[in-house]
Amino acid sequence: MKKVLGISLLLIIAAFGSANAQNKAKKDTSGGKNVVERVANKTAEIAVKGKATIVDKVYKDKVGPKGQTIYIDRHSKYYWVDKRGHNVYIAKSKLKPKQD
């Protein structure tokens, strides 16, 4: 059931993200980075985080090196999601305790 919800969430996010990316096909002259690329990266980040929240466990007691949310996959490996939507795996010994 979690996988079905995760896949449907990804499809919805991808549909809205691609429609938004098509509307913003102009170049961003201020930063020199293409708006479409920024939108695609943000869409990928949101989609991967949504999937990770549904499918994998969230490690509530620890955070990443810069305060990122840590997820535990089905192979008991720890990772966080970067700004481009990639999973960055990290050793348990490098996690920091969560400060409230």
PDB file of N, CA and C in Angstrom:
ATOM      1  N   MET A   1       0.832  -1.186   0.000  1.00  0.00           N
ATOM      2  CA  MET A   1       0.000   0.000   0.000  1.00  0.00           C
ATOM      3  C   MET A   1       0.874   1.246   0.000  1.00  0.00           C
ATOM      4  N   LYS A   2       1.989   1.225   0.746  1.00  0.00           N
ATOM      5  CA  LYS A   2       2.877   2.373   0.792  1.00  0.00           C
ATOM      6  C   LYS A   2       3.469   2.652  -0.585  1.00  0.00           C
ATOM      7  N   LYS A   3       3.793   1.597  -1.327  1.00  0.00           N
ATOM      8  CA  LYS A   3       4.381   1.787  -2.649  1.00  0.00           C
ATOM      9  C   LYS A   3       3.382   2.407  -3.610  1.00  0.00           C
ATOM     10  N   VAL A   4       2.124   2.003  -3.512  1.00  0.00           N
ATOM     11  CA  VAL A   4       1.094   2.560  -4.385  1.00  0.00           C
ATOM     12  C   VAL A   4       0.925   4.050  -4.098  1.00  0.00           C
ATOM     13  N   LEU A   5       0.902   4.419  -2.812  1.00  0.00           N
ATOM     14  CA  LEU A   5       0.791   5.824  -2.450  1.00  0.00           C
ATOM     15  C   LEU A   5       2.017   6.597  -2.914  1.00  0.00           C
ATOM     16  N   GLY A   6       3.183   6.006  -2.766  1.00  0.00           N
ATOM     17  CA  GLY A   6       4.417   6.665  -3.182  1.00  0.00           C
ATOM     18  C   GLY A   6       4.465   6.899  -4.673  1.00  0.00           C
ATOM     19  N   ILE A   7       4.073   5.908  -5.435  1.00  0.00           N
ATOM     20  CA  ILE A   7       4.088   6.043  -6.891  1.00  0.00           C
ATOM     21  C   ILE A   7       3.068   7.079  -7.342  1.00  0.00           C
ATOM     22  N   SER A   8       1.880   7.069  -6.742  1.00  0.00           N
ATOM     23  CA  SER A   8       0.869   8.048  -7.134  1.00  0.00           C
ATOM     24  C   SER A   8       1.316   9.462  -6.758  1.00  0.00           C
ATOM     25  N   LEU A   9       1.974   9.625  -5.624  1.00  0.00           N
ATOM     26  CA  LEU A   9       2.503  10.920  -5.217  1.00  0.00           C
ATOM     27  C   LEU A   9       3.557  11.400  -6.200  1.00  0.00           C
ATOM     28  N   LEU A  10       4.431  10.513  -6.639  1.00  0.00           N
ATOM     29  CA  LEU A  10       5.461  10.876  -7.603  1.00  0.00           C
ATOM     30  C   LEU A  10       4.848  11.320  -8.926  1.00  0.00           C
ATOM     31  N   LEU A  11       3.818  10.625  -9.384  1.00  0.00           N
ATOM     32  CA  LEU A  11       3.170  10.984 -10.636  1.00  0.00           C
ATOM     33  C   LEU A  11       2.507  12.351 -10.556  1.00  0.00           C
ATOM     34  N   ILE A  12       1.875  12.640  -9.440  1.00  0.00           N
ATOM     35  CA  ILE A  12       1.219  13.942  -9.270  1.00  0.00           C
ATOM     36  C   ILE A  12       2.258  15.054  -9.246  1.00  0.00           C
ATOM     37  N   ILE A  13       3.329  14.858  -8.493  1.00  0.00           N
ATOM     38  CA  ILE A  13       4.380  15.873  -8.406  1.00  0.00           C
ATOM     39  C   ILE A  13       5.049  16.065  -9.755  1.00  0.00           C
ATOM     40  N   ALA A  14       5.293  14.999 -10.473  1.00  0.00           N
ATOM     41  CA  ALA A  14       5.928  15.104 -11.787  1.00  0.00           C
ATOM     42  C   ALA A  14       5.029  15.849 -12.759  1.00  0.00           C
ATOM     43  N   ALA A  15       3.735  15.627 -12.698  1.00  0.00           N
ATOM     44  CA  ALA A  15       2.803  16.307 -13.604  1.00  0.00           C
ATOM     45  C   ALA A  15       2.789  17.808 -13.342  1.00  0.00           C
ATOM     46  N   PHE A  16       2.721  18.205 -12.076  1.00  0.00           N
ATOM     47  CA  PHE A  16       2.723  19.629 -11.758  1.00  0.00           C
ATOM     48  C   PHE A  16       4.082  20.257 -12.021  1.00  0.00           C
ATOM     49  N   GLY A  17       5.146  19.542 -11.755  1.00  0.00           N
ATOM     50  CA  GLY A  17       6.490  20.067 -11.980  1.00  0.00           C
ATOM     51  C   GLY A  17       6.782  20.283 -13.449  1.00  0.00           C
ATOM     52  N   SER A  18       6.369  19.362 -14.295  1.00  0.00           N
ATOM     53  CA  SER A  18       6.633  19.521 -15.725  1.00  0.00           C
ATOM     54  C   SER A  18       5.798  20.649 -16.306  1.00  0.00           C
ATOM     55  N   ALA A  19       4.570  20.832 -15.839  1.00  0.00           N
ATOM     56  CA  ALA A  19       3.750  21.945 -16.315  1.00  0.00           C
ATOM     57  C   ALA A  19       4.363  23.273 -15.897  1.00  0.00           C
ATOM     58  N   ASN A  20       4.889  23.332 -14.700  1.00  0.00           N
ATOM     59  CA  ASN A  20       5.530  24.546 -14.204  1.00  0.00           C
ATOM     60  C   ASN A  20       6.824  24.813 -14.956  1.00  0.00           C
ATOM     61  N   ALA A  21       7.565  23.783 -15.273  1.00  0.00           N
ATOM     62  CA  ALA A  21       8.831  23.947 -15.992  1.00  0.00           C
ATOM     63  C   ALA A  21       8.585  24.438 -17.411  1.00  0.00           C
ATOM     64  N   GLN A  22       7.499  24.026 -18.038  1.00  0.00           N
ATOM     65  CA  GLN A  22       7.202  24.465 -19.389  1.00  0.00           C
ATOM     66  C   GLN A  22       6.805  25.932 -19.426  1.00  0.00           C
ATOM     67  N   ASN A  23       6.227  26.425 -18.349  1.00  0.00           N
ATOM     68  CA  ASN A  23       5.837  27.827 -18.304  1.00  0.00           C
ATOM     69  C   ASN A  23       7.022  28.748 -18.063  1.00  0.00           C
ATOM     70  N   LYS A  24       8.111  28.247 -17.521  1.00  0.00           N
ATOM     71  CA  LYS A  24       9.271  29.062 -17.174  1.00  0.00           C
ATOM     72  C   LYS A  24      10.479  28.650 -18.005  1.00  0.00           C
ATOM     73  N   ALA A  25      10.392  28.756 -19.299  1.00  0.00           N
ATOM     74  CA  ALA A  25      11.465  28.320 -20.175  1.00  0.00           C
ATOM     75  C   ALA A  25      12.468  29.431 -20.473  1.00  0.00           C
ATOM     76  N   LYS A  26      12.386  30.560 -19.796  1.00  0.00           N
ATOM     77  CA  LYS A  26      13.308  31.660 -20.026  1.00  0.00           C
ATOM     78  C   LYS A  26      14.575  31.479 -19.206  1.00  0.00           C
ATOM     79  N   LYS A  27      15.632  32.139 -19.636  1.00  0.00           N
ATOM     80  CA  LYS A  27      16.897  32.082 -18.887  1.00  0.00           C
ATOM     81  C   LYS A  27      16.869  33.076 -17.747  1.00  0.00           C
ATOM     82  N   ASP A  28      17.475  32.705 -16.663  1.00  0.00           N
ATOM     83  CA  ASP A  28      17.616  33.586 -15.518  1.00  0.00           C
ATOM     84  C   ASP A  28      18.948  34.310 -15.675  1.00  0.00           C
ATOM     85  N   THR A  29      18.920  35.604 -15.944  1.00  0.00           N
ATOM     86  CA  THR A  29      20.163  36.347 -16.185  1.00  0.00           C
ATOM     87  C   THR A  29      20.847  36.756 -14.894  1.00  0.00           C
ATOM     88  N   SER A  30      20.157  36.722 -13.790  1.00  0.00           N
ATOM     89  CA  SER A  30      20.771  37.168 -12.539  1.00  0.00           C
ATOM     90  C   SER A  30      21.802  36.173 -12.016  1.00  0.00           C
ATOM     91  N   GLY A  31      21.491  34.898 -12.025  1.00  0.00           N
ATOM     92  CA  GLY A  31      22.405  33.901 -11.496  1.00  0.00           C
ATOM     93  C   GLY A  31      23.122  33.124 -12.575  1.00  0.00           C
ATOM     94  N   GLY A  32      22.693  33.245 -13.785  1.00  0.00           N
ATOM     95  CA  GLY A  32      23.319  32.527 -14.879  1.00  0.00           C
ATOM     96  C   GLY A  32      22.867  31.081 -14.997  1.00  0.00           C
ATOM     97  N   LYS A  33      22.013  30.638 -14.114  1.00  0.00           N
ATOM     98  CA  LYS A  33      21.550  29.256 -14.149  1.00  0.00           C
ATOM     99  C   LYS A  33      20.164  29.207 -14.773  1.00  0.00           C
ATOM    100  N   ASN A  34      19.923  28.256 -15.583  1.00  0.00           N
ATOM    101  CA  ASN A  34      18.667  28.127 -16.298  1.00  0.00           C
ATOM    102  C   ASN A  34      17.521  27.865 -15.318  1.00  0.00           C
ATOM    103  N   VAL A  35      16.417  28.562 -15.490  1.00  0.00           N
ATOM    104  CA  VAL A  35      15.260  28.414 -14.618  1.00  0.00           C
ATOM    105  C   VAL A  35      14.692  27.008 -14.722  1.00  0.00           C
ATOM    106  N   VAL A  36      14.701  26.466 -15.922  1.00  0.00           N
ATOM    107  CA  VAL A  36      14.172  25.118 -16.116  1.00  0.00           C
ATOM    108  C   VAL A  36      14.979  24.111 -15.308  1.00  0.00           C
ATOM    109  N   GLU A  37      16.289  24.284 -15.272  1.00  0.00           N
ATOM    110  CA  GLU A  37      17.144  23.376 -14.503  1.00  0.00           C
ATOM    111  C   GLU A  37      16.857  23.496 -13.009  1.00  0.00           C
ATOM    112  N   ARG A  38      16.657  24.705 -12.530  1.00  0.00           N
ATOM    113  CA  ARG A  38      16.351  24.896 -11.107  1.00  0.00           C
ATOM    114  C   ARG A  38      15.013  24.272 -10.755  1.00  0.00           C
ATOM    115  N   VAL A  39      14.021  24.454 -11.603  1.00  0.00           N
ATOM    116  CA  VAL A  39      12.695  23.876 -11.361  1.00  0.00           C
ATOM    117  C   VAL A  39      12.771  22.352 -11.387  1.00  0.00           C
ATOM    118  N   ALA A  40      13.529  21.809 -12.327  1.00  0.00           N
ATOM    119  CA  ALA A  40      13.671  20.349 -12.418  1.00  0.00           C
ATOM    120  C   ALA A  40      14.348  19.789 -11.176  1.00  0.00           C
ATOM    121  N   ASN A  41      15.389  20.466 -10.694  1.00  0.00           N
ATOM    122  CA  ASN A  41      16.082  20.009  -9.483  1.00  0.00           C
ATOM    123  C   ASN A  41      15.152  20.045  -8.273  1.00  0.00           C
ATOM    124  N   LYS A  42      14.387  21.115  -8.130  1.00  0.00           N
ATOM    125  CA  LYS A  42      13.470  21.229  -6.998  1.00  0.00           C
ATOM    126  C   LYS A  42      12.371  20.177  -7.078  1.00  0.00           C
ATOM    127  N   THR A  43      11.868  19.926  -8.287  1.00  0.00           N
ATOM    128  CA  THR A  43      10.841  18.894  -8.470  1.00  0.00           C
ATOM    129  C   THR A  43      11.384  17.524  -8.097  1.00  0.00           C
ATOM    130  N   ALA A  44      12.611  17.235  -8.522  1.00  0.00           N
ATOM    131  CA  ALA A  44      13.230  15.950  -8.188  1.00  0.00           C
ATOM    132  C   ALA A  44      13.432  15.828  -6.688  1.00  0.00           C
ATOM    133  N   GLU A  45      13.871  16.902  -6.038  1.00  0.00           N
ATOM    134  CA  GLU A  45      14.088  16.879  -4.589  1.00  0.00           C
ATOM    135  C   GLU A  45      12.780  16.596  -3.856  1.00  0.00           C
ATOM    136  N   ILE A  46      11.716  17.279  -4.221  1.00  0.00           N
ATOM    137  CA  ILE A  46      10.424  17.092  -3.560  1.00  0.00           C
ATOM    138  C   ILE A  46       9.884  15.688  -3.799  1.00  0.00           C
ATOM    139  N   ALA A  47      10.036  15.190  -5.024  1.00  0.00           N
ATOM    140  CA  ALA A  47       9.539  13.853  -5.340  1.00  0.00           C
ATOM    141  C   ALA A  47      10.280  12.783  -4.548  1.00  0.00           C
ATOM    142  N   VAL A  48      11.608  12.891  -4.471  1.00  0.00           N
ATOM    143  CA  VAL A  48      12.404  11.888  -3.750  1.00  0.00           C
ATOM    144  C   VAL A  48      12.119  11.962  -2.259  1.00  0.00           C
ATOM    145  N   LYS A  49      11.990  13.177  -1.714  1.00  0.00           N
ATOM    146  CA  LYS A  49      11.678  13.305  -0.284  1.00  0.00           C
ATOM    147  C   LYS A  49      10.293  12.755   0.025  1.00  0.00           C
ATOM    148  N   GLY A  50       9.339  12.978  -0.861  1.00  0.00           N
ATOM    149  CA  GLY A  50       7.992  12.431  -0.667  1.00  0.00           C
ATOM    150  C   GLY A  50       7.994  10.923  -0.681  1.00  0.00           C
ATOM    151  N   LYS A  51       8.723  10.340  -1.627  1.00  0.00           N
ATOM    152  CA  LYS A  51       8.833   8.888  -1.707  1.00  0.00           C
ATOM    153  C   LYS A  51       9.531   8.335  -0.478  1.00  0.00           C
ATOM    154  N   ALA A  52      10.618   8.998  -0.055  1.00  0.00           N
ATOM    155  CA  ALA A  52      11.382   8.520   1.101  1.00  0.00           C
ATOM    156  C   ALA A  52      10.546   8.580   2.374  1.00  0.00           C
ATOM    157  N   THR A  53       9.735   9.616   2.504  1.00  0.00           N
ATOM    158  CA  THR A  53       8.894   9.744   3.690  1.00  0.00           C
ATOM    159  C   THR A  53       7.856   8.631   3.750  1.00  0.00           C
ATOM    160  N   ILE A  54       7.348   8.225   2.604  1.00  0.00           N
ATOM    161  CA  ILE A  54       6.313   7.189   2.570  1.00  0.00           C
ATOM    162  C   ILE A  54       6.909   5.788   2.672  1.00  0.00           C
ATOM    163  N   VAL A  55       7.964   5.518   1.911  1.00  0.00           N
ATOM    164  CA  VAL A  55       8.497   4.161   1.803  1.00  0.00           C
ATOM    165  C   VAL A  55       9.501   3.842   2.910  1.00  0.00           C
ATOM    166  N   ASP A  56      10.390   4.783   3.223  1.00  0.00           N
ATOM    167  CA  ASP A  56      11.456   4.531   4.189  1.00  0.00           C
ATOM    168  C   ASP A  56      11.119   5.145   5.541  1.00  0.00           C
ATOM    169  N   LYS A  57      11.910   4.761   6.544  1.00  0.00           N
ATOM    170  CA  LYS A  57      11.718   5.290   7.885  1.00  0.00           C
ATOM    171  C   LYS A  57      12.514   6.580   8.052  1.00  0.00           C
ATOM    172  N   VAL A  58      11.972   7.498   8.850  1.00  0.00           N
ATOM    173  CA  VAL A  58      12.673   8.734   9.164  1.00  0.00           C
ATOM    174  C   VAL A  58      13.365   8.534  10.505  1.00  0.00           C
ATOM    175  N   TYR A  59      14.672   8.857  10.541  1.00  0.00           N
ATOM    176  CA  TYR A  59      15.439   8.729  11.776  1.00  0.00           C
ATOM    177  C   TYR A  59      15.193   9.992  12.592  1.00  0.00           C
ATOM    178  N   LYS A  60      14.430   9.878  13.670  1.00  0.00           N
ATOM    179  CA  LYS A  60      13.977  11.047  14.414  1.00  0.00           C
ATOM    180  C   LYS A  60      14.987  11.578  15.418  1.00  0.00           C
ATOM    181  N   ASP A  61      15.961  10.774  15.831  1.00  0.00           N
ATOM    182  CA  ASP A  61      16.900  11.206  16.861  1.00  0.00           C
ATOM    183  C   ASP A  61      18.168  11.829  16.302  1.00  0.00           C
ATOM    184  N   LYS A  62      18.443  11.644  15.030  1.00  0.00           N
ATOM    185  CA  LYS A  62      19.692  12.137  14.440  1.00  0.00           C
ATOM    186  C   LYS A  62      19.386  12.979  13.202  1.00  0.00           C
ATOM    187  N   VAL A  63      20.345  13.853  12.849  1.00  0.00           N
ATOM    188  CA  VAL A  63      20.264  14.661  11.635  1.00  0.00           C
ATOM    189  C   VAL A  63      21.584  14.545  10.891  1.00  0.00           C
ATOM    190  N   GLY A  64      21.601  15.037   9.662  1.00  0.00           N
ATOM    191  CA  GLY A  64      22.806  15.003   8.843  1.00  0.00           C
ATOM    192  C   GLY A  64      23.808  16.054   9.277  1.00  0.00           C
ATOM    193  N   PRO A  65      24.937  16.160   8.563  1.00  0.00           N
ATOM    194  CA  PRO A  65      25.985  17.111   8.925  1.00  0.00           C
ATOM    195  C   PRO A  65      25.512  18.567   8.939  1.00  0.00           C
ATOM    196  N   LYS A  66      24.566  18.917   8.095  1.00  0.00           N
ATOM    197  CA  LYS A  66      24.067  20.297   8.039  1.00  0.00           C
ATOM    198  C   LYS A  66      22.604  20.375   8.450  1.00  0.00           C
ATOM    199  N   GLY A  67      22.158  19.429   9.259  1.00  0.00           N
ATOM    200  CA  GLY A  67      20.791  19.426   9.769  1.00  0.00           C
ATOM    201  C   GLY A  67      19.770  18.772   8.862  1.00  0.00           C
ATOM    202  N   GLN A  68      20.205  17.985   7.879  1.00  0.00           N
ATOM    203  CA  GLN A  68      19.285  17.332   6.951  1.00  0.00           C
ATOM    204  C   GLN A  68      18.512  16.217   7.654  1.00  0.00           C
ATOM    205  N   THR A  69      17.321  15.937   7.145  1.00  0.00           N
ATOM    206  CA  THR A  69      16.520  14.821   7.629  1.00  0.00           C
ATOM    207  C   THR A  69      17.162  13.522   7.154  1.00  0.00           C
ATOM    208  N   ILE A  70      17.299  12.562   8.049  1.00  0.00           N
ATOM    209  CA  ILE A  70      17.927  11.284   7.731  1.00  0.00           C
ATOM    210  C   ILE A  70      16.839  10.227   7.554  1.00  0.00           C
ATOM    211  N   TYR A  71      16.983   9.447   6.476  1.00  0.00           N
ATOM    212  CA  TYR A  71      16.062   8.350   6.182  1.00  0.00           C
ATOM    213  C   TYR A  71      16.809   7.032   6.280  1.00  0.00           C
ATOM    214  N   ILE A  72      16.086   5.961   6.608  1.00  0.00           N
ATOM    215  CA  ILE A  72      16.664   4.621   6.687  1.00  0.00           C
ATOM    216  C   ILE A  72      15.966   3.769   5.633  1.00  0.00           C
ATOM    217  N   ASP A  73      16.743   3.214   4.685  1.00  0.00           N
ATOM    218  CA  ASP A  73      16.131   2.422   3.619  1.00  0.00           C
ATOM    219  C   ASP A  73      15.917   0.983   4.080  1.00  0.00           C
ATOM    220  N   ARG A  74      15.417   0.159   3.187  1.00  0.00           N
ATOM    221  CA  ARG A  74      15.078  -1.220   3.551  1.00  0.00           C
ATOM    222  C   ARG A  74      16.292  -2.080   3.826  1.00  0.00           C
ATOM    223  N   HIS A  75      17.492  -1.608   3.477  1.00  0.00           N
ATOM    224  CA  HIS A  75      18.730  -2.327   3.762  1.00  0.00           C
ATOM    225  C   HIS A  75      19.435  -1.759   4.990  1.00  0.00           C
ATOM    226  N   SER A  76      18.731  -0.979   5.789  1.00  0.00           N
ATOM    227  CA  SER A  76      19.231  -0.332   7.005  1.00  0.00           C
ATOM    228  C   SER A  76      20.418   0.586   6.730  1.00  0.00           C
ATOM    229  N   LYS A  77      20.381   1.276   5.604  1.00  0.00           N
ATOM    230  CA  LYS A  77      21.410   2.261   5.280  1.00  0.00           C
ATOM    231  C   LYS A  77      20.815   3.649   5.484  1.00  0.00           C
ATOM    232  N   TYR A  78      21.654   4.553   5.965  1.00  0.00           N
ATOM    233  CA  TYR A  78      21.222   5.904   6.282  1.00  0.00           C
ATOM    234  C   TYR A  78      21.544   6.836   5.115  1.00  0.00           C
ATOM    235  N   TYR A  79      20.607   7.732   4.794  1.00  0.00           N
ATOM    236  CA  TYR A  79      20.855   8.689   3.722  1.00  0.00           C
ATOM    237  C   TYR A  79      20.019   9.944   3.933  1.00  0.00           C
ATOM    238  N   TRP A  80      20.409  10.997   3.233  1.00  0.00           N
ATOM    239  CA  TRP A  80      19.627  12.219   3.160  1.00  0.00           C
ATOM    240  C   TRP A  80      19.521  12.619   1.700  1.00  0.00           C
ATOM    241  N   VAL A  81      18.587  13.488   1.369  1.00  0.00           N
ATOM    242  CA  VAL A  81      18.325  13.885  -0.008  1.00  0.00           C
ATOM    243  C   VAL A  81      18.913  15.275  -0.243  1.00  0.00           C
ATOM    244  N   ASP A  82      19.765  15.408  -1.289  1.00  0.00           N
ATOM    245  CA  ASP A  82      20.379  16.709  -1.576  1.00  0.00           C
ATOM    246  C   ASP A  82      19.454  17.572  -2.437  1.00  0.00           C
ATOM    247  N   LYS A  83      19.918  18.760  -2.824  1.00  0.00           N
ATOM    248  CA  LYS A  83      19.093  19.718  -3.559  1.00  0.00           C
ATOM    249  C   LYS A  83      18.769  19.287  -4.972  1.00  0.00           C
ATOM    250  N   ARG A  84      19.463  18.297  -5.492  1.00  0.00           N
ATOM    251  CA  ARG A  84      19.179  17.802  -6.840  1.00  0.00           C
ATOM    252  C   ARG A  84      18.338  16.532  -6.829  1.00  0.00           C
ATOM    253  N   GLY A  85      17.958  16.053  -5.641  1.00  0.00           N
ATOM    254  CA  GLY A  85      17.123  14.875  -5.540  1.00  0.00           C
ATOM    255  C   GLY A  85      17.895  13.574  -5.459  1.00  0.00           C
ATOM    256  N   HIS A  86      19.199  13.652  -5.219  1.00  0.00           N
ATOM    257  CA  HIS A  86      20.016  12.442  -5.102  1.00  0.00           C
ATOM    258  C   HIS A  86      20.068  11.979  -3.652  1.00  0.00           C
ATOM    259  N   ASN A  87      20.090  10.666  -3.468  1.00  0.00           N
ATOM    260  CA  ASN A  87      20.283  10.109  -2.131  1.00  0.00           C
ATOM    261  C   ASN A  87      21.768  10.135  -1.810  1.00  0.00           C
ATOM    262  N   VAL A  88      22.121  10.751  -0.680  1.00  0.00           N
ATOM    263  CA  VAL A  88      23.511  10.816  -0.235  1.00  0.00           C
ATOM    264  C   VAL A  88      23.620   9.915   0.989  1.00  0.00           C
ATOM    265  N   TYR A  89      24.277   8.783   0.811  1.00  0.00           N
ATOM    266  CA  TYR A  89      24.410   7.825   1.902  1.00  0.00           C
ATOM    267  C   TYR A  89      25.501   8.274   2.858  1.00  0.00           C
ATOM    268  N   ILE A  90      25.279   7.990   4.139  1.00  0.00           N
ATOM    269  CA  ILE A  90      26.189   8.460   5.172  1.00  0.00           C
ATOM    270  C   ILE A  90      26.326   7.371   6.239  1.00  0.00           C
ATOM    271  N   ALA A  91      27.496   7.301   6.839  1.00  0.00           N
ATOM    272  CA  ALA A  91      27.733   6.330   7.910  1.00  0.00           C
ATOM    273  C   ALA A  91      27.016   6.783   9.180  1.00  0.00           C
ATOM    274  N   LYS A  92      26.581   5.837   9.955  1.00  0.00           N
ATOM    275  CA  LYS A  92      25.864   6.150  11.201  1.00  0.00           C
ATOM    276  C   LYS A  92      26.738   6.951  12.156  1.00  0.00           C
ATOM    277  N   SER A  93      28.038   6.717  12.103  1.00  0.00           N
ATOM    278  CA  SER A  93      28.959   7.414  13.003  1.00  0.00           C
ATOM    279  C   SER A  93      29.083   8.907  12.683  1.00  0.00           C
ATOM    280  N   LYS A  94      28.709   9.325  11.471  1.00  0.00           N
ATOM    281  CA  LYS A  94      28.815  10.732  11.087  1.00  0.00           C
ATOM    282  C   LYS A  94      27.526  11.523  11.332  1.00  0.00           C
ATOM    283  N   LEU A  95      26.505  10.879  11.846  1.00  0.00           N
ATOM    284  CA  LEU A  95      25.239  11.572  12.151  1.00  0.00           C
ATOM    285  C   LEU A  95      25.377  12.353  13.436  1.00  0.00           C
ATOM    286  N   LYS A  96      24.660  13.474  13.513  1.00  0.00           N
ATOM    287  CA  LYS A  96      24.675  14.320  14.695  1.00  0.00           C
ATOM    288  C   LYS A  96      23.360  14.158  15.465  1.00  0.00           C
ATOM    289  N   PRO A  97      23.408  14.320  16.782  1.00  0.00           N
ATOM    290  CA  PRO A  97      22.155  14.245  17.541  1.00  0.00           C
ATOM    291  C   PRO A  97      21.267  15.444  17.203  1.00  0.00           C
ATOM    292  N   LYS A  98      19.968  15.216  17.198  1.00  0.00           N
ATOM    293  CA  LYS A  98      19.017  16.268  16.856  1.00  0.00           C
ATOM    294  C   LYS A  98      18.873  17.216  18.040  1.00  0.00           C
ATOM    295  N   GLN A  99      18.982  18.507  17.775  1.00  0.00           N
ATOM    296  CA  GLN A  99      18.868  19.514  18.820  1.00  0.00           C
ATOM    297  C   GLN A  99      17.523  20.205  18.694  1.00  0.00           C
ATOM    298  N   ASP A 100      16.736  20.210  19.742  1.00  0.00           N
ATOM    299  CA  ASP A 100      15.406  20.848  19.696  1.00  0.00           C
ATOM    300  C   ASP A 100      15.463  22.280  20.128  1.00  0.00           C
TER     301      ASP A 100
END
